[in-house]
Amino acid sequence: QLWCVIDLANKDKGVMVFDAPFWKSFG
């Protein structure tokens, strides 16, 4: 899955893209 995210530790980077596995992890 792809997600649009803001990393609160790096807000200056703006909206980033999180490419994440689904099974047994983030999704």
mmCIF file of all heavy atoms, coordinates in Angstrom:
data_MODEL
# 
_entry.id   MODEL 
# 
loop_
_atom_site.group_PDB 
_atom_site.id 
_atom_site.type_symbol 
_atom_site.label_atom_id 
_atom_site.label_alt_id 
_atom_site.label_comp_id 
_atom_site.label_asym_id 
_atom_site.label_entity_id 
_atom_site.label_seq_id 
_atom_site.pdbx_PDB_ins_code 
_atom_site.Cartn_x 
_atom_site.Cartn_y 
_atom_site.Cartn_z 
_atom_site.occupancy 
_atom_site.B_iso_or_equiv 
_atom_site.pdbx_formal_charge 
_atom_site.auth_seq_id 
_atom_site.auth_comp_id 
_atom_site.auth_asym_id 
_atom_site.auth_atom_id 
_atom_site.pdbx_PDB_model_num 
ATOM 1   N N   . GLN A 1 1  ? 0.839  -1.194  0.000  1.00 0.00 ? 1  GLN A N   1 
ATOM 2   C CA  . GLN A 1 1  ? 0.000  0.000   0.000  1.00 0.00 ? 1  GLN A CA  1 
ATOM 3   C C   . GLN A 1 1  ? 0.876  1.248   0.000  1.00 0.00 ? 1  GLN A C   1 
ATOM 4   O O   . GLN A 1 1  ? 1.948  1.261   0.615  1.00 0.00 ? 1  GLN A O   1 
ATOM 5   C CB  . GLN A 1 1  ? -0.899 0.028   1.233  1.00 0.00 ? 1  GLN A CB  1 
ATOM 6   C CG  . GLN A 1 1  ? -1.975 -1.054  1.254  1.00 0.00 ? 1  GLN A CG  1 
ATOM 7   C CD  . GLN A 1 1  ? -2.661 -1.137  2.602  1.00 0.00 ? 1  GLN A CD  1 
ATOM 8   O OE1 . GLN A 1 1  ? -2.023 -1.285  3.639  1.00 0.00 ? 1  GLN A OE1 1 
ATOM 9   N NE2 . GLN A 1 1  ? -3.981 -1.039  2.600  1.00 0.00 ? 1  GLN A NE2 1 
ATOM 10  N N   . LEU A 1 2  ? 0.405  2.276   -0.674 1.00 0.00 ? 2  LEU A N   1 
ATOM 11  C CA  . LEU A 1 2  ? 1.020  3.596   -0.597 1.00 0.00 ? 2  LEU A CA  1 
ATOM 12  C C   . LEU A 1 2  ? 0.154  4.483   0.286  1.00 0.00 ? 2  LEU A C   1 
ATOM 13  O O   . LEU A 1 2  ? -1.076 4.416   0.249  1.00 0.00 ? 2  LEU A O   1 
ATOM 14  C CB  . LEU A 1 2  ? 1.133  4.232   -1.988 1.00 0.00 ? 2  LEU A CB  1 
ATOM 15  C CG  . LEU A 1 2  ? 2.065  3.573   -3.007 1.00 0.00 ? 2  LEU A CG  1 
ATOM 16  C CD1 . LEU A 1 2  ? 2.046  4.368   -4.304 1.00 0.00 ? 2  LEU A CD1 1 
ATOM 17  C CD2 . LEU A 1 2  ? 3.477  3.448   -2.475 1.00 0.00 ? 2  LEU A CD2 1 
ATOM 18  N N   . TRP A 1 3  ? 0.817  5.341   1.078  1.00 0.00 ? 3  TRP A N   1 
ATOM 19  C CA  . TRP A 1 3  ? 0.132  6.286   1.959  1.00 0.00 ? 3  TRP A CA  1 
ATOM 20  C C   . TRP A 1 3  ? 0.808  7.642   1.847  1.00 0.00 ? 3  TRP A C   1 
ATOM 21  O O   . TRP A 1 3  ? 2.035  7.727   1.703  1.00 0.00 ? 3  TRP A O   1 
ATOM 22  C CB  . TRP A 1 3  ? 0.232  5.827   3.417  1.00 0.00 ? 3  TRP A CB  1 
ATOM 23  C CG  . TRP A 1 3  ? -0.256 4.443   3.696  1.00 0.00 ? 3  TRP A CG  1 
ATOM 24  C CD1 . TRP A 1 3  ? 0.429  3.271   3.484  1.00 0.00 ? 3  TRP A CD1 1 
ATOM 25  C CD2 . TRP A 1 3  ? -1.523 4.066   4.244  1.00 0.00 ? 3  TRP A CD2 1 
ATOM 26  N NE1 . TRP A 1 3  ? -0.333 2.199   3.871  1.00 0.00 ? 3  TRP A NE1 1 
ATOM 27  C CE2 . TRP A 1 3  ? -1.534 2.651   4.338  1.00 0.00 ? 3  TRP A CE2 1 
ATOM 28  C CE3 . TRP A 1 3  ? -2.641 4.782   4.671  1.00 0.00 ? 3  TRP A CE3 1 
ATOM 29  C CZ2 . TRP A 1 3  ? -2.626 1.946   4.842  1.00 0.00 ? 3  TRP A CZ2 1 
ATOM 30  C CZ3 . TRP A 1 3  ? -3.721 4.081   5.169  1.00 0.00 ? 3  TRP A CZ3 1 
ATOM 31  C CH2 . TRP A 1 3  ? -3.719 2.686   5.245  1.00 0.00 ? 3  TRP A CH2 1 
ATOM 32  N N   . CYS A 1 4  ? 0.030  8.720   1.964  1.00 0.00 ? 4  CYS A N   1 
ATOM 33  C CA  . CYS A 1 4  ? 0.587  10.057  2.129  1.00 0.00 ? 4  CYS A CA  1 
ATOM 34  C C   . CYS A 1 4  ? 0.709  10.321  3.628  1.00 0.00 ? 4  CYS A C   1 
ATOM 35  O O   . CYS A 1 4  ? -0.280 10.187  4.361  1.00 0.00 ? 4  CYS A O   1 
ATOM 36  C CB  . CYS A 1 4  ? -0.331 11.112  1.506  1.00 0.00 ? 4  CYS A CB  1 
ATOM 37  S SG  . CYS A 1 4  ? -0.408 11.069  -0.301 1.00 0.00 ? 4  CYS A SG  1 
ATOM 38  N N   . VAL A 1 5  ? 1.899  10.657  4.080  1.00 0.00 ? 5  VAL A N   1 
ATOM 39  C CA  . VAL A 1 5  ? 2.104  10.832  5.516  1.00 0.00 ? 5  VAL A CA  1 
ATOM 40  C C   . VAL A 1 5  ? 2.932  12.083  5.807  1.00 0.00 ? 5  VAL A C   1 
ATOM 41  O O   . VAL A 1 5  ? 3.692  12.552  4.959  1.00 0.00 ? 5  VAL A O   1 
ATOM 42  C CB  . VAL A 1 5  ? 2.822  9.614   6.151  1.00 0.00 ? 5  VAL A CB  1 
ATOM 43  C CG1 . VAL A 1 5  ? 2.089  8.323   5.817  1.00 0.00 ? 5  VAL A CG1 1 
ATOM 44  C CG2 . VAL A 1 5  ? 4.278  9.528   5.714  1.00 0.00 ? 5  VAL A CG2 1 
ATOM 45  N N   . ILE A 1 6  ? 2.758  12.591  7.010  1.00 0.00 ? 6  ILE A N   1 
ATOM 46  C CA  . ILE A 1 6  ? 3.650  13.618  7.553  1.00 0.00 ? 6  ILE A CA  1 
ATOM 47  C C   . ILE A 1 6  ? 4.371  12.997  8.739  1.00 0.00 ? 6  ILE A C   1 
ATOM 48  O O   . ILE A 1 6  ? 3.727  12.506  9.681  1.00 0.00 ? 6  ILE A O   1 
ATOM 49  C CB  . ILE A 1 6  ? 2.878  14.873  7.974  1.00 0.00 ? 6  ILE A CB  1 
ATOM 50  C CG1 . ILE A 1 6  ? 2.365  15.604  6.728  1.00 0.00 ? 6  ILE A CG1 1 
ATOM 51  C CG2 . ILE A 1 6  ? 3.762  15.807  8.815  1.00 0.00 ? 6  ILE A CG2 1 
ATOM 52  C CD1 . ILE A 1 6  ? 1.585  16.872  7.015  1.00 0.00 ? 6  ILE A CD1 1 
ATOM 53  N N   . ASP A 1 7  ? 5.687  12.961  8.670  1.00 0.00 ? 7  ASP A N   1 
ATOM 54  C CA  . ASP A 1 7  ? 6.512  12.442  9.750  1.00 0.00 ? 7  ASP A CA  1 
ATOM 55  C C   . ASP A 1 7  ? 6.679  13.570  10.770 1.00 0.00 ? 7  ASP A C   1 
ATOM 56  O O   . ASP A 1 7  ? 7.288  14.600  10.473 1.00 0.00 ? 7  ASP A O   1 
ATOM 57  C CB  . ASP A 1 7  ? 7.867  12.006  9.185  1.00 0.00 ? 7  ASP A CB  1 
ATOM 58  C CG  . ASP A 1 7  ? 8.824  11.501  10.255 1.00 0.00 ? 7  ASP A CG  1 
ATOM 59  O OD1 . ASP A 1 7  ? 8.410  11.377  11.428 1.00 0.00 ? 7  ASP A OD1 1 
ATOM 60  O OD2 . ASP A 1 7  ? 9.991  11.232  9.906  1.00 0.00 ? 7  ASP A OD2 1 
ATOM 61  N N   . LEU A 1 8  ? 6.143  13.396  11.968 1.00 0.00 ? 8  LEU A N   1 
ATOM 62  C CA  . LEU A 1 8  ? 6.159  14.473  12.950 1.00 0.00 ? 8  LEU A CA  1 
ATOM 63  C C   . LEU A 1 8  ? 7.567  14.817  13.410 1.00 0.00 ? 8  LEU A C   1 
ATOM 64  O O   . LEU A 1 8  ? 7.783  15.903  13.959 1.00 0.00 ? 8  LEU A O   1 
ATOM 65  C CB  . LEU A 1 8  ? 5.281  14.099  14.150 1.00 0.00 ? 8  LEU A CB  1 
ATOM 66  C CG  . LEU A 1 8  ? 3.793  13.873  13.829 1.00 0.00 ? 8  LEU A CG  1 
ATOM 67  C CD1 . LEU A 1 8  ? 2.980  13.791  15.111 1.00 0.00 ? 8  LEU A CD1 1 
ATOM 68  C CD2 . LEU A 1 8  ? 3.246  14.959  12.918 1.00 0.00 ? 8  LEU A CD2 1 
ATOM 69  N N   . ALA A 1 9  ? 8.520  13.935  13.184 1.00 0.00 ? 9  ALA A N   1 
ATOM 70  C CA  . ALA A 1 9  ? 9.910  14.233  13.520 1.00 0.00 ? 9  ALA A CA  1 
ATOM 71  C C   . ALA A 1 9  ? 10.617 14.983  12.394 1.00 0.00 ? 9  ALA A C   1 
ATOM 72  O O   . ALA A 1 9  ? 11.728 15.480  12.576 1.00 0.00 ? 9  ALA A O   1 
ATOM 73  C CB  . ALA A 1 9  ? 10.666 12.941  13.839 1.00 0.00 ? 9  ALA A CB  1 
ATOM 74  N N   . ASN A 1 10 ? 9.965  15.065  11.233 1.00 0.00 ? 10 ASN A N   1 
ATOM 75  C CA  . ASN A 1 10 ? 10.559 15.744  10.074 1.00 0.00 ? 10 ASN A CA  1 
ATOM 76  C C   . ASN A 1 10 ? 9.483  16.515  9.317  1.00 0.00 ? 10 ASN A C   1 
ATOM 77  O O   . ASN A 1 10 ? 9.296  16.336  8.106  1.00 0.00 ? 10 ASN A O   1 
ATOM 78  C CB  . ASN A 1 10 ? 11.217 14.715  9.140  1.00 0.00 ? 10 ASN A CB  1 
ATOM 79  C CG  . ASN A 1 10 ? 12.392 14.011  9.781  1.00 0.00 ? 10 ASN A CG  1 
ATOM 80  O OD1 . ASN A 1 10 ? 13.483 14.569  9.892  1.00 0.00 ? 10 ASN A OD1 1 
ATOM 81  N ND2 . ASN A 1 10 ? 12.160 12.782  10.217 1.00 0.00 ? 10 ASN A ND2 1 
ATOM 82  N N   . LYS A 1 11 ? 8.782  17.386  10.030 1.00 0.00 ? 11 LYS A N   1 
ATOM 83  C CA  . LYS A 1 11 ? 7.678  18.126  9.412  1.00 0.00 ? 11 LYS A CA  1 
ATOM 84  C C   . LYS A 1 11 ? 8.132  18.993  8.249  1.00 0.00 ? 11 LYS A C   1 
ATOM 85  O O   . LYS A 1 11 ? 7.356  19.284  7.335  1.00 0.00 ? 11 LYS A O   1 
ATOM 86  C CB  . LYS A 1 11 ? 6.984  19.001  10.458 1.00 0.00 ? 11 LYS A CB  1 
ATOM 87  C CG  . LYS A 1 11 ? 6.135  18.233  11.453 1.00 0.00 ? 11 LYS A CG  1 
ATOM 88  C CD  . LYS A 1 11 ? 5.395  19.203  12.369 1.00 0.00 ? 11 LYS A CD  1 
ATOM 89  C CE  . LYS A 1 11 ? 4.464  18.488  13.311 1.00 0.00 ? 11 LYS A CE  1 
ATOM 90  N NZ  . LYS A 1 11 ? 3.722  19.435  14.191 1.00 0.00 ? 11 LYS A NZ  1 
ATOM 91  N N   . ASP A 1 12 ? 9.388  19.409  8.277  1.00 0.00 ? 12 ASP A N   1 
ATOM 92  C CA  . ASP A 1 12 ? 9.893  20.281  7.220  1.00 0.00 ? 12 ASP A CA  1 
ATOM 93  C C   . ASP A 1 12 ? 9.908  19.597  5.861  1.00 0.00 ? 12 ASP A C   1 
ATOM 94  O O   . ASP A 1 12 ? 9.978  20.277  4.824  1.00 0.00 ? 12 ASP A O   1 
ATOM 95  C CB  . ASP A 1 12 ? 11.310 20.758  7.563  1.00 0.00 ? 12 ASP A CB  1 
ATOM 96  C CG  . ASP A 1 12 ? 12.285 19.595  7.749  1.00 0.00 ? 12 ASP A CG  1 
ATOM 97  O OD1 . ASP A 1 12 ? 11.958 18.662  8.499  1.00 0.00 ? 12 ASP A OD1 1 
ATOM 98  O OD2 . ASP A 1 12 ? 13.372 19.627  7.154  1.00 0.00 ? 12 ASP A OD2 1 
ATOM 99  N N   . LYS A 1 13 ? 9.807  18.274  5.847  1.00 0.00 ? 13 LYS A N   1 
ATOM 100 C CA  . LYS A 1 13 ? 9.786  17.536  4.582  1.00 0.00 ? 13 LYS A CA  1 
ATOM 101 C C   . LYS A 1 13 ? 8.402  17.510  3.948  1.00 0.00 ? 13 LYS A C   1 
ATOM 102 O O   . LYS A 1 13 ? 8.239  17.031  2.826  1.00 0.00 ? 13 LYS A O   1 
ATOM 103 C CB  . LYS A 1 13 ? 10.303 16.116  4.786  1.00 0.00 ? 13 LYS A CB  1 
ATOM 104 C CG  . LYS A 1 13 ? 11.781 16.061  5.176  1.00 0.00 ? 13 LYS A CG  1 
ATOM 105 C CD  . LYS A 1 13 ? 12.291 14.638  5.229  1.00 0.00 ? 13 LYS A CD  1 
ATOM 106 C CE  . LYS A 1 13 ? 13.783 14.604  5.547  1.00 0.00 ? 13 LYS A CE  1 
ATOM 107 N NZ  . LYS A 1 13 ? 14.306 13.214  5.581  1.00 0.00 ? 13 LYS A NZ  1 
ATOM 108 N N   . GLY A 1 14 ? 7.403  18.023  4.662  1.00 0.00 ? 14 GLY A N   1 
ATOM 109 C CA  . GLY A 1 14 ? 6.056  18.061  4.107  1.00 0.00 ? 14 GLY A CA  1 
ATOM 110 C C   . GLY A 1 14 ? 5.452  16.675  3.958  1.00 0.00 ? 14 GLY A C   1 
ATOM 111 O O   . GLY A 1 14 ? 5.825  15.737  4.656  1.00 0.00 ? 14 GLY A O   1 
ATOM 112 N N   . VAL A 1 15 ? 4.515  16.551  3.018  1.00 0.00 ? 15 VAL A N   1 
ATOM 113 C CA  . VAL A 1 15 ? 3.863  15.262  2.790  1.00 0.00 ? 15 VAL A CA  1 
ATOM 114 C C   . VAL A 1 15 ? 4.832  14.315  2.090  1.00 0.00 ? 15 VAL A C   1 
ATOM 115 O O   . VAL A 1 15 ? 5.393  14.643  1.043  1.00 0.00 ? 15 VAL A O   1 
ATOM 116 C CB  . VAL A 1 15 ? 2.581  15.427  1.950  1.00 0.00 ? 15 VAL A CB  1 
ATOM 117 C CG1 . VAL A 1 15 ? 1.956  14.063  1.654  1.00 0.00 ? 15 VAL A CG1 1 
ATOM 118 C CG2 . VAL A 1 15 ? 1.574  16.314  2.684  1.00 0.00 ? 15 VAL A CG2 1 
ATOM 119 N N   . MET A 1 16 ? 5.018  13.143  2.683  1.00 0.00 ? 16 MET A N   1 
ATOM 120 C CA  . MET A 1 16 ? 5.903  12.122  2.148  1.00 0.00 ? 16 MET A CA  1 
ATOM 121 C C   . MET A 1 16 ? 5.067  10.921  1.711  1.00 0.00 ? 16 MET A C   1 
ATOM 122 O O   . MET A 1 16 ? 3.879  10.836  2.018  1.00 0.00 ? 16 MET A O   1 
ATOM 123 C CB  . MET A 1 16 ? 6.931  11.706  3.199  1.00 0.00 ? 16 MET A CB  1 
ATOM 124 C CG  . MET A 1 16 ? 7.694  12.866  3.808  1.00 0.00 ? 16 MET A CG  1 
ATOM 125 S SD  . MET A 1 16 ? 8.703  12.380  5.242  1.00 0.00 ? 16 MET A SD  1 
ATOM 126 C CE  . MET A 1 16 ? 10.057 11.549  4.407  1.00 0.00 ? 16 MET A CE  1 
ATOM 127 N N   . VAL A 1 17 ? 5.697  9.994   1.003  1.00 0.00 ? 17 VAL A N   1 
ATOM 128 C CA  . VAL A 1 17 ? 5.009  8.779   0.566  1.00 0.00 ? 17 VAL A CA  1 
ATOM 129 C C   . VAL A 1 17 ? 5.571  7.584   1.323  1.00 0.00 ? 17 VAL A C   1 
ATOM 130 O O   . VAL A 1 17 ? 6.782  7.382   1.367  1.00 0.00 ? 17 VAL A O   1 
ATOM 131 C CB  . VAL A 1 17 ? 5.157  8.564   -0.955 1.00 0.00 ? 17 VAL A CB  1 
ATOM 132 C CG1 . VAL A 1 17 ? 4.603  7.199   -1.369 1.00 0.00 ? 17 VAL A CG1 1 
ATOM 133 C CG2 . VAL A 1 17 ? 4.433  9.670   -1.715 1.00 0.00 ? 17 VAL A CG2 1 
ATOM 134 N N   . PHE A 1 18 ? 4.681  6.830   1.925  1.00 0.00 ? 18 PHE A N   1 
ATOM 135 C CA  . PHE A 1 18 ? 5.036  5.630   2.690  1.00 0.00 ? 18 PHE A CA  1 
ATOM 136 C C   . PHE A 1 18 ? 4.639  4.416   1.865  1.00 0.00 ? 18 PHE A C   1 
ATOM 137 O O   . PHE A 1 18 ? 3.465  4.180   1.600  1.00 0.00 ? 18 PHE A O   1 
ATOM 138 C CB  . PHE A 1 18 ? 4.291  5.655   4.021  1.00 0.00 ? 18 PHE A CB  1 
ATOM 139 C CG  . PHE A 1 18 ? 4.645  4.539   4.977  1.00 0.00 ? 18 PHE A CG  1 
ATOM 140 C CD1 . PHE A 1 18 ? 5.820  3.811   4.856  1.00 0.00 ? 18 PHE A CD1 1 
ATOM 141 C CD2 . PHE A 1 18 ? 3.787  4.225   6.026  1.00 0.00 ? 18 PHE A CD2 1 
ATOM 142 C CE1 . PHE A 1 18 ? 6.139  2.795   5.750  1.00 0.00 ? 18 PHE A CE1 1 
ATOM 143 C CE2 . PHE A 1 18 ? 4.097  3.214   6.939  1.00 0.00 ? 18 PHE A CE2 1 
ATOM 144 C CZ  . PHE A 1 18 ? 5.262  2.499   6.791  1.00 0.00 ? 18 PHE A CZ  1 
ATOM 145 N N   . ASP A 1 19 ? 5.633  3.642   1.436  1.00 0.00 ? 19 ASP A N   1 
ATOM 146 C CA  . ASP A 1 19 ? 5.400  2.404   0.692  1.00 0.00 ? 19 ASP A CA  1 
ATOM 147 C C   . ASP A 1 19 ? 5.519  1.265   1.691  1.00 0.00 ? 19 ASP A C   1 
ATOM 148 O O   . ASP A 1 19 ? 6.612  0.965   2.169  1.00 0.00 ? 19 ASP A O   1 
ATOM 149 C CB  . ASP A 1 19 ? 6.431  2.265   -0.425 1.00 0.00 ? 19 ASP A CB  1 
ATOM 150 C CG  . ASP A 1 19 ? 6.396  0.908   -1.086 1.00 0.00 ? 19 ASP A CG  1 
ATOM 151 O OD1 . ASP A 1 19 ? 5.311  0.313   -1.196 1.00 0.00 ? 19 ASP A OD1 1 
ATOM 152 O OD2 . ASP A 1 19 ? 7.475  0.416   -1.491 1.00 0.00 ? 19 ASP A OD2 1 
ATOM 153 N N   . ALA A 1 20 ? 4.398  0.625   2.027  1.00 0.00 ? 20 ALA A N   1 
ATOM 154 C CA  . ALA A 1 20 ? 4.389  -0.301  3.157  1.00 0.00 ? 20 ALA A CA  1 
ATOM 155 C C   . ALA A 1 20 ? 3.776  -1.644  2.807  1.00 0.00 ? 20 ALA A C   1 
ATOM 156 O O   . ALA A 1 20 ? 2.814  -1.716  2.026  1.00 0.00 ? 20 ALA A O   1 
ATOM 157 C CB  . ALA A 1 20 ? 3.609  0.323   4.318  1.00 0.00 ? 20 ALA A CB  1 
ATOM 158 N N   . PRO A 1 21 ? 4.300  -2.723  3.387  1.00 0.00 ? 21 PRO A N   1 
ATOM 159 C CA  . PRO A 1 21 ? 3.667  -4.025  3.235  1.00 0.00 ? 21 PRO A CA  1 
ATOM 160 C C   . PRO A 1 21 ? 2.363  -4.063  4.025  1.00 0.00 ? 21 PRO A C   1 
ATOM 161 O O   . PRO A 1 21 ? 2.181  -3.297  4.970  1.00 0.00 ? 21 PRO A O   1 
ATOM 162 C CB  . PRO A 1 21 ? 4.696  -4.994  3.826  1.00 0.00 ? 21 PRO A CB  1 
ATOM 163 C CG  . PRO A 1 21 ? 5.431  -4.178  4.835  1.00 0.00 ? 21 PRO A CG  1 
ATOM 164 C CD  . PRO A 1 21 ? 5.491  -2.778  4.260  1.00 0.00 ? 21 PRO A CD  1 
ATOM 165 N N   . PHE A 1 22 ? 1.460  -4.949  3.620  1.00 0.00 ? 22 PHE A N   1 
ATOM 166 C CA  . PHE A 1 22 ? 0.211  -5.090  4.360  1.00 0.00 ? 22 PHE A CA  1 
ATOM 167 C C   . PHE A 1 22 ? 0.306  -6.189  5.419  1.00 0.00 ? 22 PHE A C   1 
ATOM 168 O O   . PHE A 1 22 ? 0.174  -5.929  6.602  1.00 0.00 ? 22 PHE A O   1 
ATOM 169 C CB  . PHE A 1 22 ? -0.952 -5.384  3.416  1.00 0.00 ? 22 PHE A CB  1 
ATOM 170 C CG  . PHE A 1 22 ? -2.249 -5.603  4.155  1.00 0.00 ? 22 PHE A CG  1 
ATOM 171 C CD1 . PHE A 1 22 ? -2.983 -4.514  4.598  1.00 0.00 ? 22 PHE A CD1 1 
ATOM 172 C CD2 . PHE A 1 22 ? -2.708 -6.877  4.442  1.00 0.00 ? 22 PHE A CD2 1 
ATOM 173 C CE1 . PHE A 1 22 ? -4.162 -4.703  5.324  1.00 0.00 ? 22 PHE A CE1 1 
ATOM 174 C CE2 . PHE A 1 22 ? -3.890 -7.083  5.142  1.00 0.00 ? 22 PHE A CE2 1 
ATOM 175 C CZ  . PHE A 1 22 ? -4.615 -5.999  5.586  1.00 0.00 ? 22 PHE A CZ  1 
ATOM 176 N N   . TRP A 1 23 ? 0.531  -7.406  4.985  1.00 0.00 ? 23 TRP A N   1 
ATOM 177 C CA  . TRP A 1 23 ? 0.453  -8.536  5.902  1.00 0.00 ? 23 TRP A CA  1 
ATOM 178 C C   . TRP A 1 23 ? 1.516  -8.480  6.994  1.00 0.00 ? 23 TRP A C   1 
ATOM 179 O O   . TRP A 1 23 ? 2.688  -8.235  6.739  1.00 0.00 ? 23 TRP A O   1 
ATOM 180 C CB  . TRP A 1 23 ? 0.579  -9.858  5.132  1.00 0.00 ? 23 TRP A CB  1 
ATOM 181 C CG  . TRP A 1 23 ? -0.516 -10.066 4.141  1.00 0.00 ? 23 TRP A CG  1 
ATOM 182 C CD1 . TRP A 1 23 ? -0.398 -10.075 2.774  1.00 0.00 ? 23 TRP A CD1 1 
ATOM 183 C CD2 . TRP A 1 23 ? -1.901 -10.269 4.426  1.00 0.00 ? 23 TRP A CD2 1 
ATOM 184 N NE1 . TRP A 1 23 ? -1.627 -10.274 2.195  1.00 0.00 ? 23 TRP A NE1 1 
ATOM 185 C CE2 . TRP A 1 23 ? -2.576 -10.409 3.181  1.00 0.00 ? 23 TRP A CE2 1 
ATOM 186 C CE3 . TRP A 1 23 ? -2.641 -10.353 5.612  1.00 0.00 ? 23 TRP A CE3 1 
ATOM 187 C CZ2 . TRP A 1 23 ? -3.940 -10.615 3.098  1.00 0.00 ? 23 TRP A CZ2 1 
ATOM 188 C CZ3 . TRP A 1 23 ? -4.011 -10.567 5.517  1.00 0.00 ? 23 TRP A CZ3 1 
ATOM 189 C CH2 . TRP A 1 23 ? -4.650 -10.702 4.287  1.00 0.00 ? 23 TRP A CH2 1 
ATOM 190 N N   . LYS A 1 24 ? 1.061  -8.687  8.237  1.00 0.00 ? 24 LYS A N   1 
ATOM 191 C CA  . LYS A 1 24 ? 1.926  -8.769  9.415  1.00 0.00 ? 24 LYS A CA  1 
ATOM 192 C C   . LYS A 1 24 ? 2.757  -7.505  9.604  1.00 0.00 ? 24 LYS A C   1 
ATOM 193 O O   . LYS A 1 24 ? 3.840  -7.548  10.211 1.00 0.00 ? 24 LYS A O   1 
ATOM 194 C CB  . LYS A 1 24 ? 2.846  -9.996  9.343  1.00 0.00 ? 24 LYS A CB  1 
ATOM 195 C CG  . LYS A 1 24 ? 2.092  -11.312 9.317  1.00 0.00 ? 24 LYS A CG  1 
ATOM 196 C CD  . LYS A 1 24 ? 3.045  -12.492 9.274  1.00 0.00 ? 24 LYS A CD  1 
ATOM 197 C CE  . LYS A 1 24 ? 2.266  -13.815 9.244  1.00 0.00 ? 24 LYS A CE  1 
ATOM 198 N NZ  . LYS A 1 24 ? 3.178  -14.979 9.194  1.00 0.00 ? 24 LYS A NZ  1 
ATOM 199 N N   . SER A 1 25 ? 2.260  -6.377  9.116  1.00 0.00 ? 25 SER A N   1 
ATOM 200 C CA  . SER A 1 25 ? 2.979  -5.125  9.313  1.00 0.00 ? 25 SER A CA  1 
ATOM 201 C C   . SER A 1 25 ? 1.977  -3.972  9.290  1.00 0.00 ? 25 SER A C   1 
ATOM 202 O O   . SER A 1 25 ? 0.833  -4.131  9.704  1.00 0.00 ? 25 SER A O   1 
ATOM 203 C CB  . SER A 1 25 ? 4.072  -4.951  8.260  1.00 0.00 ? 25 SER A CB  1 
ATOM 204 O OG  . SER A 1 25 ? 4.989  -3.933  8.644  1.00 0.00 ? 25 SER A OG  1 
ATOM 205 N N   . PHE A 1 26 ? 2.401  -2.802  8.785  1.00 0.00 ? 26 PHE A N   1 
ATOM 206 C CA  . PHE A 1 26 ? 1.641  -1.577  8.953  1.00 0.00 ? 26 PHE A CA  1 
ATOM 207 C C   . PHE A 1 26 ? 0.171  -1.693  8.552  1.00 0.00 ? 26 PHE A C   1 
ATOM 208 O O   . PHE A 1 26 ? -0.731 -1.368  9.318  1.00 0.00 ? 26 PHE A O   1 
ATOM 209 C CB  . PHE A 1 26 ? 2.311  -0.444  8.174  1.00 0.00 ? 26 PHE A CB  1 
ATOM 210 C CG  . PHE A 1 26 ? 1.574  0.863   8.280  1.00 0.00 ? 26 PHE A CG  1 
ATOM 211 C CD1 . PHE A 1 26 ? 1.645  1.628   9.428  1.00 0.00 ? 26 PHE A CD1 1 
ATOM 212 C CD2 . PHE A 1 26 ? 0.791  1.317   7.222  1.00 0.00 ? 26 PHE A CD2 1 
ATOM 213 C CE1 . PHE A 1 26 ? 0.953  2.832   9.534  1.00 0.00 ? 26 PHE A CE1 1 
ATOM 214 C CE2 . PHE A 1 26 ? 0.104  2.516   7.313  1.00 0.00 ? 26 PHE A CE2 1 
ATOM 215 C CZ  . PHE A 1 26 ? 0.181  3.266   8.478  1.00 0.00 ? 26 PHE A CZ  1 
ATOM 216 N N   . GLY A 1 27 ? -0.085 -2.128  7.320  1.00 0.00 ? 27 GLY A N   1 
ATOM 217 C CA  . GLY A 1 27 ? -1.456 -2.150  6.825  1.00 0.00 ? 27 GLY A CA  1 
ATOM 218 C C   . GLY A 1 27 ? -2.385 -3.021  7.647  1.00 0.00 ? 27 GLY A C   1 
ATOM 219 O O   . GLY A 1 27 ? -3.491 -2.606  8.012  1.00 0.00 ? 27 GLY A O   1 
# 
